[in-house]
C-alpha atoms as a PDB file:
ATOM      1  CA  UNK A   1     -17.148  49.618 -19.000  1.00  0.00           C
ATOM      2  CA  UNK A   2     -14.772  47.116 -17.472  1.00  0.00           C
ATOM      3  CA  UNK A   3     -11.140  47.981 -18.147  1.00  0.00           C
ATOM      4  CA  UNK A   4      -8.582  45.425 -19.296  1.00  0.00           C
ATOM      5  CA  UNK A   5      -6.894  45.637 -15.890  1.00  0.00           C
ATOM      6  CA  UNK A   6     -10.168  45.005 -14.056  1.00  0.00           C
ATOM      7  CA  UNK A   7     -10.920  42.087 -16.332  1.00  0.00           C
ATOM      8  CA  UNK A   8      -7.452  40.672 -15.749  1.00  0.00           C
ATOM      9  CA  UNK A   9      -7.921  40.909 -11.983  1.00  0.00           C
ATOM     10  CA  UNK A  10     -11.348  39.302 -12.212  1.00  0.00           C
ATOM     11  CA  UNK A  11      -9.972  36.371 -14.240  1.00  0.00           C
ATOM     12  CA  UNK A  12      -7.083  35.996 -11.820  1.00  0.00           C
ATOM     13  CA  UNK A  13      -9.485  35.962  -8.868  1.00  0.00           C
ATOM     14  CA  UNK A  14     -11.715  33.374 -10.518  1.00  0.00           C
ATOM     15  CA  UNK A  15      -8.715  31.198 -11.303  1.00  0.00           C
ATOM     16  CA  UNK A  16      -7.519  31.486  -7.701  1.00  0.00           C
ATOM     17  CA  UNK A  17     -10.968  30.453  -6.431  1.00  0.00           C
ATOM     18  CA  UNK A  18     -11.000  27.432  -8.730  1.00  0.00           C
ATOM     19  CA  UNK A  19      -7.535  26.461  -7.500  1.00  0.00           C
ATOM     20  CA  UNK A  20      -8.687  26.724  -3.881  1.00  0.00           C
ATOM     21  CA  UNK A  21     -11.728  24.582  -4.644  1.00  0.00           C
ATOM     22  CA  UNK A  22      -9.546  21.918  -6.262  1.00  0.00           C
ATOM     23  CA  UNK A  23      -7.115  21.973  -3.350  1.00  0.00           C
ATOM     24  CA  UNK A  24      -9.950  21.576  -0.863  1.00  0.00           C
ATOM     25  CA  UNK A  25     -11.323  18.726  -2.958  1.00  0.00           C
ATOM     26  CA  UNK A  26      -7.866  17.128  -2.914  1.00  0.00           C
ATOM     27  CA  UNK A  27      -7.703  17.494   0.865  1.00  0.00           C
ATOM     28  CA  UNK A  28     -11.125  15.861   1.216  1.00  0.00           C
ATOM     29  CA  UNK A  29      -9.974  13.093  -1.086  1.00  0.00           C
ATOM     30  CA  UNK A  30      -6.874  12.569   1.051  1.00  0.00           C
ATOM     31  CA  UNK A  31      -8.991  12.351   4.207  1.00  0.00           C
ATOM     32  CA  UNK A  32     -11.262   9.824   2.553  1.00  0.00           C
ATOM     33  CA  UNK A  33      -8.233   7.916   1.306  1.00  0.00           C
ATOM     34  CA  UNK A  34      -6.878   7.731   4.855  1.00  0.00           C
ATOM     35  CA  UNK A  35     -10.189   6.543   6.226  1.00  0.00           C
ATOM     36  CA  UNK A  36     -10.558   4.062   3.408  1.00  0.00           C
ATOM     37  CA  UNK A  37      -7.130   2.870   2.810  1.00  0.00           C
ATOM     38  CA  UNK A  38      -9.044  -0.068   3.723  1.00  0.00           C
ATOM     39  CA  UNK A  39     -10.639  -0.207   0.370  1.00  0.00           C
ATOM     40  CA  UNK A  40      -7.261   0.541  -0.696  1.00  0.00           C
ATOM     41  CA  UNK A  41      -6.101  -0.992   2.532  1.00  0.00           C
ATOM     42  CA  UNK A  42      -9.621  -2.340   3.003  1.00  0.00           C
ATOM     43  CA  UNK A  43      -6.624  -2.822   1.018  1.00  0.00           C
ATOM     44  CA  UNK A  44      -4.241  -1.280   1.803  1.00  0.00           C
ATOM     45  CA  UNK A  45      -5.741  -4.199   0.596  1.00  0.00           C
ATOM     46  CA  UNK A  46      -7.416  -6.165  -1.631  1.00  0.00           C
ATOM     47  CA  UNK A  47      -9.709  -3.679  -3.196  1.00  0.00           C
ATOM     48  CA  UNK A  48      -6.814  -1.320  -3.508  1.00  0.00           C
ATOM     49  CA  UNK A  49      -6.473  -1.269  -7.250  1.00  0.00           C
ATOM     50  CA  UNK A  50      -9.898   0.269  -7.581  1.00  0.00           C
ATOM     51  CA  UNK A  51      -9.063   2.809  -4.908  1.00  0.00           C
ATOM     52  CA  UNK A  52      -6.276   4.420  -6.824  1.00  0.00           C
ATOM     53  CA  UNK A  53      -7.446   3.633 -10.330  1.00  0.00           C
ATOM     54  CA  UNK A  54     -10.736   5.480  -9.870  1.00  0.00           C
ATOM     55  CA  UNK A  55      -9.823   7.750  -6.990  1.00  0.00           C
ATOM     56  CA  UNK A  56      -9.261  10.790  -9.201  1.00  0.00           C
ATOM     57  CA  UNK A  57     -12.264  11.876 -11.270  1.00  0.00           C
ATOM     58  CA  UNK A  58     -11.781  13.715 -14.512  1.00  0.00           C
ATOM     59  CA  UNK A  59     -12.964  17.320 -14.281  1.00  0.00           C
ATOM     60  CA  UNK A  60     -14.830  19.269 -16.949  1.00  0.00           C
ATOM     61  CA  UNK A  61     -13.000  20.902 -19.817  1.00  0.00           C
ATOM     62  CA  UNK A  62     -12.781  24.354 -18.267  1.00  0.00           C
ATOM     63  CA  UNK A  63     -11.250  22.918 -15.104  1.00  0.00           C
ATOM     64  CA  UNK A  64      -8.715  20.885 -17.074  1.00  0.00           C
ATOM     65  CA  UNK A  65      -7.664  23.966 -18.991  1.00  0.00           C
ATOM     66  CA  UNK A  66      -6.671  25.626 -15.723  1.00  0.00           C
ATOM     67  CA  UNK A  67      -5.160  22.544 -14.067  1.00  0.00           C
ATOM     68  CA  UNK A  68      -1.633  23.938 -14.068  1.00  0.00           C
ATOM     69  CA  UNK A  69      -1.523  23.537 -10.274  1.00  0.00           C
ATOM     70  CA  UNK A  70      -2.223  19.788 -10.467  1.00  0.00           C
ATOM     71  CA  UNK A  71       0.964  17.945  -9.519  1.00  0.00           C
ATOM     72  CA  UNK A  72       2.720  16.193 -12.376  1.00  0.00           C
ATOM     73  CA  UNK A  73       5.015  13.351 -11.357  1.00  0.00           C
ATOM     74  CA  UNK A  74       8.600  13.938 -12.326  1.00  0.00           C
ATOM     75  CA  UNK A  75       9.977  11.050 -14.313  1.00  0.00           C
ATOM     76  CA  UNK A  76      13.017   9.702 -12.519  1.00  0.00           C
ATOM     77  CA  UNK A  77      15.490   6.977 -13.413  1.00  0.00           C
ATOM     78  CA  UNK A  78      14.289   3.589 -12.234  1.00  0.00           C
ATOM     79  CA  UNK A  79      16.430   2.778  -9.170  1.00  0.00           C
ATOM     80  CA  UNK A  80      15.678  -0.935  -9.422  1.00  0.00           C
ATOM     81  CA  UNK A  81      16.979  -3.778 -11.543  1.00  0.00           C
ATOM     82  CA  UNK A  82      15.243  -6.083 -13.975  1.00  0.00           C
ATOM     83  CA  UNK A  83      12.982  -8.835 -12.586  1.00  0.00           C
ATOM     84  CA  UNK A  84      14.301 -12.381 -12.501  1.00  0.00           C
ATOM     85  CA  UNK A  85      12.921 -14.724 -15.182  1.00  0.00           C
ATOM     86  CA  UNK A  86       9.606 -16.251 -14.219  1.00  0.00           C
ATOM     87  CA  UNK A  87       5.868 -15.656 -14.083  1.00  0.00           C
ATOM     88  CA  UNK A  88       3.580 -14.718 -11.163  1.00  0.00           C
ATOM     89  CA  UNK A  89       1.678 -17.517  -9.475  1.00  0.00           C
ATOM     90  CA  UNK A  90      -1.883 -18.342 -10.483  1.00  0.00           C
ATOM     91  CA  UNK A  91      -2.489 -20.764  -7.616  1.00  0.00           C
ATOM     92  CA  UNK A  92      -5.448 -20.428  -5.262  1.00  0.00           C
ATOM     93  CA  UNK A  93      -6.745 -22.495  -2.352  1.00  0.00           C
ATOM     94  CA  UNK A  94     -10.206 -22.956  -0.879  1.00  0.00           C
ATOM     95  CA  UNK A  95      -9.233 -22.721   2.767  1.00  0.00           C
ATOM     96  CA  UNK A  96      -6.565 -21.410   5.114  1.00  0.00           C
ATOM     97  CA  UNK A  97      -3.615 -23.800   5.484  1.00  0.00           C
ATOM     98  CA  UNK A  98      -3.457 -25.967   8.575  1.00  0.00           C
ATOM     99  CA  UNK A  99      -1.368 -24.584  11.424  1.00  0.00           C
ATOM    100  CA  UNK A 100       2.163 -25.922  11.042  1.00  0.00           C
ATOM    101  CA  UNK A 101       4.427 -23.285  12.572  1.00  0.00           C
ATOM    102  CA  UNK A 102       5.835 -23.299  16.085  1.00  0.00           C
ATOM    103  CA  UNK A 103       4.179 -20.331  17.803  1.00  0.00           C
ATOM    104  CA  UNK A 104       7.028 -20.101  20.306  1.00  0.00           C
ATOM    105  CA  UNK A 105       9.742 -19.936  17.644  1.00  0.00           C
ATOM    106  CA  UNK A 106      11.218 -16.960  15.810  1.00  0.00           C
ATOM    107  CA  UNK A 107      10.506 -16.539  12.095  1.00  0.00           C
ATOM    108  CA  UNK A 108      11.848 -14.209   9.439  1.00  0.00           C
ATOM    109  CA  UNK A 109      10.822 -13.467   5.874  1.00  0.00           C
ATOM    110  CA  UNK A 110      13.277 -12.231   3.266  1.00  0.00           C
ATOM    111  CA  UNK A 111      11.758 -10.520   0.244  1.00  0.00           C
ATOM    112  CA  UNK A 112      14.406 -10.558  -2.455  1.00  0.00           C
ATOM    113  CA  UNK A 113      13.211  -7.725  -4.693  1.00  0.00           C
ATOM    114  CA  UNK A 114      14.480  -5.995  -7.803  1.00  0.00           C
ATOM    115  CA  UNK A 115      15.223  -2.983  -5.590  1.00  0.00           C
ATOM    116  CA  UNK A 116      17.122  -4.846  -2.882  1.00  0.00           C
ATOM    117  CA  UNK A 117      16.376  -7.130   0.032  1.00  0.00           C
ATOM    118  CA  UNK A 118      13.517  -6.365   2.450  1.00  0.00           C
ATOM    119  CA  UNK A 119      14.118  -8.301   5.649  1.00  0.00           C
ATOM    120  CA  UNK A 120      11.198  -8.887   8.002  1.00  0.00           C
ATOM    121  CA  UNK A 121      11.059 -10.273  11.521  1.00  0.00           C
ATOM    122  CA  UNK A 122       7.723 -12.072  11.943  1.00  0.00           C
ATOM    123  CA  UNK A 123       5.793 -12.273  15.229  1.00  0.00           C
ATOM    124  CA  UNK A 124       4.456 -15.822  15.327  1.00  0.00           C
ATOM    125  CA  UNK A 125       3.315 -15.551  18.940  1.00  0.00           C
ATOM    126  CA  UNK A 126       1.107 -12.485  18.365  1.00  0.00           C
ATOM    127  CA  UNK A 127      -0.085 -13.309  14.827  1.00  0.00           C
ATOM    128  CA  UNK A 128       0.187 -17.101  14.354  1.00  0.00           C
ATOM    129  CA  UNK A 129      -2.438 -17.411  11.598  1.00  0.00           C
ATOM    130  CA  UNK A 130      -0.784 -14.661   9.564  1.00  0.00           C
ATOM    131  CA  UNK A 131       2.745 -15.987   9.959  1.00  0.00           C
ATOM    132  CA  UNK A 132       1.591 -19.539   9.252  1.00  0.00           C
ATOM    133  CA  UNK A 133      -0.099 -18.335   6.057  1.00  0.00           C
ATOM    134  CA  UNK A 134       3.018 -16.574   4.785  1.00  0.00           C
ATOM    135  CA  UNK A 135       5.153 -19.588   5.649  1.00  0.00           C
ATOM    136  CA  UNK A 136       2.791 -21.657   3.487  1.00  0.00           C
ATOM    137  CA  UNK A 137       2.618 -19.119   0.638  1.00  0.00           C
ATOM    138  CA  UNK A 138       6.403 -18.731   0.539  1.00  0.00           C
ATOM    139  CA  UNK A 139       6.889 -22.491   0.284  1.00  0.00           C
ATOM    140  CA  UNK A 140       4.349 -22.545  -2.569  1.00  0.00           C
ATOM    141  CA  UNK A 141       6.191 -19.747  -4.391  1.00  0.00           C
ATOM    142  CA  UNK A 142       3.002 -17.678  -4.347  1.00  0.00           C
ATOM    143  CA  UNK A 143       4.764 -14.331  -3.861  1.00  0.00           C
ATOM    144  CA  UNK A 144       7.600 -15.016  -6.306  1.00  0.00           C
ATOM    145  CA  UNK A 145       7.645 -12.735  -9.392  1.00  0.00           C
ATOM    146  CA  UNK A 146       4.801 -10.618  -7.974  1.00  0.00           C
ATOM    147  CA  UNK A 147       4.789  -6.838  -8.375  1.00  0.00           C
ATOM    148  CA  UNK A 148       4.254  -4.438  -5.474  1.00  0.00           C
ATOM    149  CA  UNK A 149       1.281  -2.566  -6.898  1.00  0.00           C
ATOM    150  CA  UNK A 150       0.794   0.493  -4.687  1.00  0.00           C
ATOM    151  CA  UNK A 151       2.883   3.229  -3.110  1.00  0.00           C
ATOM    152  CA  UNK A 152       1.438   6.036  -0.995  1.00  0.00           C
ATOM    153  CA  UNK A 153       3.548   9.143  -0.391  1.00  0.00           C
ATOM    154  CA  UNK A 154       1.087  11.568   1.216  1.00  0.00           C
ATOM    155  CA  UNK A 155      -0.689  11.315   4.594  1.00  0.00           C
ATOM    156  CA  UNK A 156       0.154   7.634   4.861  1.00  0.00           C
ATOM    157  CA  UNK A 157       3.445   6.139   3.768  1.00  0.00           C
ATOM    158  CA  UNK A 158       3.285   2.516   2.720  1.00  0.00           C
ATOM    159  CA  UNK A 159       4.285   0.117  -0.030  1.00  0.00           C
ATOM    160  CA  UNK A 160       1.662  -2.541  -0.771  1.00  0.00           C
ATOM    161  CA  UNK A 161       2.649  -5.988  -2.015  1.00  0.00           C
ATOM    162  CA  UNK A 162       1.388  -9.567  -2.041  1.00  0.00           C
ATOM    163  CA  UNK A 163      -0.815  -9.724  -5.134  1.00  0.00           C
ATOM    164  CA  UNK A 164       0.503 -11.888  -8.007  1.00  0.00           C
ATOM    165  CA  UNK A 165      -1.995 -10.178 -10.320  1.00  0.00           C
ATOM    166  CA  UNK A 166      -0.258  -6.858  -9.688  1.00  0.00           C
ATOM    167  CA  UNK A 167      -3.575  -5.012  -9.575  1.00  0.00           C
ATOM    168  CA  UNK A 168      -4.237  -4.801  -5.847  1.00  0.00           C
ATOM    169  CA  UNK A 169      -7.299  -7.030  -6.223  1.00  0.00           C
ATOM    170  CA  UNK A 170      -5.793 -10.518  -6.043  1.00  0.00           C
ATOM    171  CA  UNK A 171      -5.287 -13.058  -3.286  1.00  0.00           C
ATOM    172  CA  UNK A 172      -4.767 -16.722  -2.412  1.00  0.00           C
ATOM    173  CA  UNK A 173      -8.449 -17.667  -2.485  1.00  0.00           C
ATOM    174  CA  UNK A 174      -8.785 -17.981   1.308  1.00  0.00           C
ATOM    175  CA  UNK A 175      -8.927 -15.472   4.146  1.00  0.00           C
ATOM    176  CA  UNK A 176      -7.323 -15.388   7.579  1.00  0.00           C
ATOM    177  CA  UNK A 177      -8.523 -13.837  10.861  1.00  0.00           C
ATOM    178  CA  UNK A 178      -7.463 -10.425  12.124  1.00  0.00           C
ATOM    179  CA  UNK A 179      -4.834 -10.652  14.860  1.00  0.00           C
ATOM    180  CA  UNK A 180      -2.820  -8.485  17.230  1.00  0.00           C
ATOM    181  CA  UNK A 181      -5.007  -5.377  16.747  1.00  0.00           C
ATOM    182  CA  UNK A 182      -4.307  -4.290  20.327  1.00  0.00           C
ATOM    183  CA  UNK A 183      -0.553  -4.214  19.790  1.00  0.00           C
ATOM    184  CA  UNK A 184       0.720  -1.404  22.064  1.00  0.00           C
ATOM    185  CA  UNK A 185       2.921  -0.132  19.223  1.00  0.00           C
ATOM    186  CA  UNK A 186      -0.239   1.081  17.466  1.00  0.00           C
ATOM    187  CA  UNK A 187      -1.043   3.637  20.167  1.00  0.00           C
ATOM    188  CA  UNK A 188      -2.602   6.851  18.922  1.00  0.00           C
ATOM    189  CA  UNK A 189      -3.911   5.126  15.766  1.00  0.00           C
ATOM    190  CA  UNK A 190      -0.491   5.328  14.176  1.00  0.00           C
ATOM    191  CA  UNK A 191       1.321   2.485  12.438  1.00  0.00           C
ATOM    192  CA  UNK A 192       4.967   3.332  13.157  1.00  0.00           C
ATOM    193  CA  UNK A 193       7.708   3.203  10.552  1.00  0.00           C
ATOM    194  CA  UNK A 194       9.095  -0.307  10.275  1.00  0.00           C
ATOM    195  CA  UNK A 195       5.741  -2.076  10.683  1.00  0.00           C
ATOM    196  CA  UNK A 196       4.531  -4.783   8.312  1.00  0.00           C
ATOM    197  CA  UNK A 197       0.769  -5.317   8.440  1.00  0.00           C
ATOM    198  CA  UNK A 198      -2.045  -7.068   6.591  1.00  0.00           C
ATOM    199  CA  UNK A 199      -4.368  -5.513   4.073  1.00  0.00           C
ATOM    200  CA  UNK A 200      -8.039  -6.407   4.344  1.00  0.00           C
ATOM    201  CA  UNK A 201     -11.536  -5.400   3.262  1.00  0.00           C
ATOM    202  CA  UNK A 202     -12.763  -3.987   6.558  1.00  0.00           C
ATOM    203  CA  UNK A 203     -15.143  -1.026   6.220  1.00  0.00           C
ATOM    204  CA  UNK A 204     -15.024   1.020   9.416  1.00  0.00           C
ATOM    205  CA  UNK A 205     -18.278   2.832   8.655  1.00  0.00           C
ATOM    206  CA  UNK A 206     -20.382  -0.290   8.257  1.00  0.00           C
ATOM    207  CA  UNK A 207     -18.316  -2.500  10.536  1.00  0.00           C
ATOM    208  CA  UNK A 208     -18.300  -5.156   7.819  1.00  0.00           C
ATOM    209  CA  UNK A 209     -15.288  -7.043   6.476  1.00  0.00           C
ATOM    210  CA  UNK A 210     -13.472  -8.290   9.535  1.00  0.00           C
ATOM    211  CA  UNK A 211     -11.173 -11.326   9.135  1.00  0.00           C
ATOM    212  CA  UNK A 212     -10.785 -10.720   5.406  1.00  0.00           C
ATOM    213  CA  UNK A 213      -7.002 -10.686   5.042  1.00  0.00           C
ATOM    214  CA  UNK A 214      -5.467 -12.769   2.270  1.00  0.00           C
ATOM    215  CA  UNK A 215      -1.946 -12.396   0.897  1.00  0.00           C
ATOM    216  CA  UNK A 216      -1.694  -8.618   0.507  1.00  0.00           C
ATOM    217  CA  UNK A 217       0.351  -6.714   3.053  1.00  0.00           C
ATOM    218  CA  UNK A 218       1.827  -3.257   3.450  1.00  0.00           C
ATOM    219  CA  UNK A 219       5.229  -2.053   4.553  1.00  0.00           C
ATOM    220  CA  UNK A 220       5.285   1.208   6.529  1.00  0.00           C
ATOM    221  CA  UNK A 221       8.357   3.319   5.718  1.00  0.00           C
ATOM    222  CA  UNK A 222       7.247   6.397   7.705  1.00  0.00           C
ATOM    223  CA  UNK A 223       4.845   6.822  10.643  1.00  0.00           C
ATOM    224  CA  UNK A 224       1.313   6.626   9.189  1.00  0.00           C
ATOM    225  CA  UNK A 225      -2.008   7.588  10.832  1.00  0.00           C
ATOM    226  CA  UNK A 226      -4.282   4.560  10.424  1.00  0.00           C
ATOM    227  CA  UNK A 227      -6.892   3.047  12.736  1.00  0.00           C
ATOM    228  CA  UNK A 228      -5.831  -0.262  14.321  1.00  0.00           C
ATOM    229  CA  UNK A 229      -7.771  -2.416  11.862  1.00  0.00           C
ATOM    230  CA  UNK A 230      -4.883  -4.092  10.040  1.00  0.00           C
ATOM    231  CA  UNK A 231      -3.016  -7.012  11.582  1.00  0.00           C
ATOM    232  CA  UNK A 232       0.555  -6.007  12.463  1.00  0.00           C
ATOM    233  CA  UNK A 233       2.583  -9.182  12.176  1.00  0.00           C
ATOM    234  CA  UNK A 234       6.214  -8.129  12.146  1.00  0.00           C
ATOM    235  CA  UNK A 235       8.859  -5.475  11.787  1.00  0.00           C
ATOM    236  CA  UNK A 236      11.139  -4.377   8.973  1.00  0.00           C
ATOM    237  CA  UNK A 237      14.909  -4.649   9.378  1.00  0.00           C
ATOM    238  CA  UNK A 238      17.510  -1.973   8.672  1.00  0.00           C
ATOM    239  CA  UNK A 239      18.302  -3.265   5.178  1.00  0.00           C
ATOM    240  CA  UNK A 240      14.613  -3.437   4.361  1.00  0.00           C
ATOM    241  CA  UNK A 241      14.015   0.150   5.464  1.00  0.00           C
ATOM    242  CA  UNK A 242      16.901   1.268   3.276  1.00  0.00           C
ATOM    243  CA  UNK A 243      15.303  -0.461   0.293  1.00  0.00           C
ATOM    244  CA  UNK A 244      11.887   1.039   1.045  1.00  0.00           C
ATOM    245  CA  UNK A 245      13.318   4.556   1.300  1.00  0.00           C
ATOM    246  CA  UNK A 246      14.868   4.121  -2.146  1.00  0.00           C
ATOM    247  CA  UNK A 247      11.534   3.011  -3.582  1.00  0.00           C
ATOM    248  CA  UNK A 248       9.657   5.859  -1.896  1.00  0.00           C
ATOM    249  CA  UNK A 249      12.182   8.442  -3.099  1.00  0.00           C
ATOM    250  CA  UNK A 250      11.373   7.534  -6.704  1.00  0.00           C
ATOM    251  CA  UNK A 251       7.712   8.420  -6.044  1.00  0.00           C
ATOM    252  CA  UNK A 252       4.523   7.072  -7.541  1.00  0.00           C
ATOM    253  CA  UNK A 253       3.156   7.410 -11.034  1.00  0.00           C
ATOM    254  CA  UNK A 254      -0.017   9.449 -10.535  1.00  0.00           C
ATOM    255  CA  UNK A 255       1.560  12.448  -8.815  1.00  0.00           C
ATOM    256  CA  UNK A 256      -1.384  12.473  -6.383  1.00  0.00           C
ATOM    257  CA  UNK A 257       0.436  10.655  -3.584  1.00  0.00           C
ATOM    258  CA  UNK A 258      -1.223   7.277  -4.195  1.00  0.00           C
ATOM    259  CA  UNK A 259      -0.546   5.026  -7.159  1.00  0.00           C
ATOM    260  CA  UNK A 260       1.769   2.494  -8.728  1.00  0.00           C
ATOM    261  CA  UNK A 261       5.434   3.006  -7.798  1.00  0.00           C
ATOM    262  CA  UNK A 262       7.661   4.612 -10.395  1.00  0.00           C
ATOM    263  CA  UNK A 263      10.295   2.087  -9.361  1.00  0.00           C
ATOM    264  CA  UNK A 264       9.895  -1.425 -10.782  1.00  0.00           C
ATOM    265  CA  UNK A 265       9.300  -3.275  -7.515  1.00  0.00           C
ATOM    266  CA  UNK A 266       9.035  -7.027  -8.075  1.00  0.00           C
ATOM    267  CA  UNK A 267       9.507  -9.732  -5.454  1.00  0.00           C
ATOM    268  CA  UNK A 268      11.823 -12.162  -7.231  1.00  0.00           C
ATOM    269  CA  UNK A 269      11.762 -14.586  -4.308  1.00  0.00           C
ATOM    270  CA  UNK A 270      10.128 -14.725  -0.871  1.00  0.00           C
ATOM    271  CA  UNK A 271      11.692 -16.994   1.759  1.00  0.00           C
ATOM    272  CA  UNK A 272      10.394 -17.665   5.266  1.00  0.00           C
ATOM    273  CA  UNK A 273      12.840 -19.210   7.726  1.00  0.00           C
ATOM    274  CA  UNK A 274      12.671 -20.420  11.326  1.00  0.00           C
ATOM    275  CA  UNK A 275      15.421 -19.703  13.788  1.00  0.00           C
END
């Protein structure tokens, strides 16, 4: 006959094994998420909403009953203010705007968000199509009143913005070519903190989806291991990094390291200027 103590130990062992299986599954999921932040970055990128909305599958009832080790996001006070009055853009265009920027000039983009200013220095010489597109979109008010829809806080560390729909699946209707993928700052397949880069739909396994960037971009607030598939087109200033750290500190809503930010991050106004 099995004693109560033996039964207790058996149940404890079985629970421990289930926990280990779930943790290993979570690690596999994280590896896949890194490789496919391109669905998310293939979004970080335009298919991103699907990546985090369906990335966690519901387990069976017995697993859910023992899911005490599953991280639960701690609700924190929203560190950001209320969005400015206005509605996200619904505009789209059939083709990339004509080149109108001066490739030899210096450009900057200021994202005036509910959480503070995010100042960006844009590299028109290395990524002219990308900078020209954002110059156009800013003048059209396309980014104004748009919500930054995705925050990752595990394995890769980025805030994703640029979709007026706020789902991670929207864009301007046109695509732009990949640029600057051999930037020496991306050595070791790492996007360093302070990088701003384009989301796209590139699938590294199939090799399909090049030149599929639109309006979505991601802001790297901590060194992130990613293959050099996403156009780096500028750097984030000191004030911008301070704002990003505040957003990241509030965490994301799923508790799994990849989801909508707990902070209310809305771009009230995007301005591109030439200096």
